[in-house]
Protein backbone atom coordinates (compact mmCIF):
# COMPACT_ATOMS: atom_id res chain seq x y z
CA GLY A 1 -33.88 -13.32 0.40
CA ALA A 2 -32.94 -10.79 2.90
CA GLU A 3 -34.13 -7.12 2.91
CA PHE A 4 -31.66 -4.41 4.19
CA PHE A 5 -32.97 -1.34 6.12
CA TRP A 6 -31.41 1.98 7.24
CA ILE A 7 -32.03 2.30 11.05
CA HIS A 8 -32.22 5.57 12.53
CA PRO A 9 -32.18 6.69 15.43
CA PHE A 10 -30.82 3.46 17.19
CA ALA A 11 -29.15 2.69 20.52
CA HIS A 12 -26.77 -0.13 21.76
CA VAL A 13 -28.49 -1.95 24.62
CA ASP A 14 -26.75 -4.54 26.37
CA GLU A 15 -25.43 -6.99 23.66
CA ARG A 16 -28.25 -5.70 20.86
CA PHE A 17 -28.95 -2.51 19.04
CA ILE A 18 -32.50 -1.38 18.81
CA GLY A 19 -33.82 1.32 16.26
CA GLN A 20 -36.27 2.49 14.01
CA ILE A 21 -36.65 1.58 10.15
CA ASN A 22 -35.92 4.69 8.37
CA ASN A 23 -36.90 3.48 4.82
CA THR A 24 -39.91 2.11 3.19
CA PRO A 25 -39.67 -1.88 3.27
CA ARG A 26 -40.40 -3.37 -0.03
CA ALA A 27 -40.59 -7.24 0.58
CA ALA A 28 -41.06 -7.48 4.41
CA MET A 29 -44.59 -7.11 4.54
CA ASN A 30 -44.92 -7.22 8.09
CA LEU A 31 -42.80 -4.27 8.71
CA LYS A 32 -43.09 -0.45 7.79
CA MET A 33 -41.37 2.45 7.93
CA GLY A 34 -40.84 3.89 11.65
CA ASP A 35 -41.24 0.23 13.14
CA THR A 36 -38.77 -0.34 16.03
CA VAL A 37 -36.39 -3.61 15.41
CA SER A 38 -33.73 -5.20 17.36
CA PHE A 39 -30.59 -6.59 15.81
CA VAL A 40 -27.17 -7.84 16.67
CA LYS A 41 -23.63 -6.42 15.49
CA ASN A 42 -23.19 -9.31 13.07
CA GLU A 43 -26.35 -8.21 11.26
CA ILE A 44 -25.07 -4.83 10.17
CA VAL A 45 -23.85 -5.04 6.79
CA ASP A 46 -23.41 -1.25 6.14
CA TRP A 47 -22.84 2.03 8.14
CA MET A 48 -22.64 5.65 7.80
CA TYR A 49 -21.83 8.64 9.70
CA MET A 50 -20.70 12.43 8.77
CA ASP A 51 -17.51 13.95 9.89
CA GLU A 52 -17.46 17.63 9.25
CA GLY A 53 -19.76 17.29 6.34
CA THR A 54 -18.23 14.63 4.78
CA MET A 55 -19.94 10.94 4.42
CA LYS A 56 -18.09 8.03 6.15
CA GLY A 57 -19.04 4.56 5.47
CA ASN A 58 -22.01 3.87 3.11
CA TYR A 59 -20.38 1.39 1.03
CA SER A 60 -23.24 0.40 -0.69
CA SER A 61 -23.93 3.76 -1.99
CA ARG A 62 -20.34 4.48 -2.88
CA ALA A 63 -20.17 1.29 -4.91
CA PHE A 64 -22.90 2.93 -7.15
CA LEU A 65 -21.30 6.19 -7.00
CA LYS A 66 -17.94 5.17 -8.13
CA SER A 67 -19.25 3.82 -11.39
CA ALA A 68 -22.00 6.37 -11.77
CA ALA A 69 -21.68 9.28 -14.33
CA PRO A 70 -20.67 12.70 -12.95
CA LYS A 71 -24.15 13.99 -13.41
CA GLU A 72 -25.66 11.38 -11.34
CA ARG A 73 -22.90 11.71 -8.61
CA GLU A 74 -23.76 15.55 -8.31
CA ALA A 75 -27.58 14.80 -8.27
CA PHE A 76 -26.74 12.39 -5.22
CA ARG A 77 -24.56 15.06 -3.51
CA ARG A 78 -27.28 17.85 -3.98
CA ARG A 79 -30.24 15.40 -2.80
CA PHE A 80 -28.37 14.27 0.41
CA GLY A 81 -26.08 16.99 0.99
CA LEU A 82 -23.16 14.87 1.18
CA ASP A 83 -19.53 15.11 0.18
CA PHE A 84 -17.73 11.83 -0.19
CA ASP A 85 -14.10 10.85 0.55
CA PHE A 86 -13.43 8.35 -2.03
């Protein structure tokens, strides 16, 4: 199976992207948080950026948040300091 990582910071270099793993790998025993990885555009499955304090993208979290209880949504907002544009 595949494991997904948040990559930040990253840069676009020629036809590839390069960046650091920004979460703790759970299954990939040969990787750790902070390791530098290289990947191509079609390997990107989710993305996120902020626009004046509002989260754009981050579709994996949005799927969870849409069905989450208001209390869980508010906890997410407080923890990450994000507002969503559902």
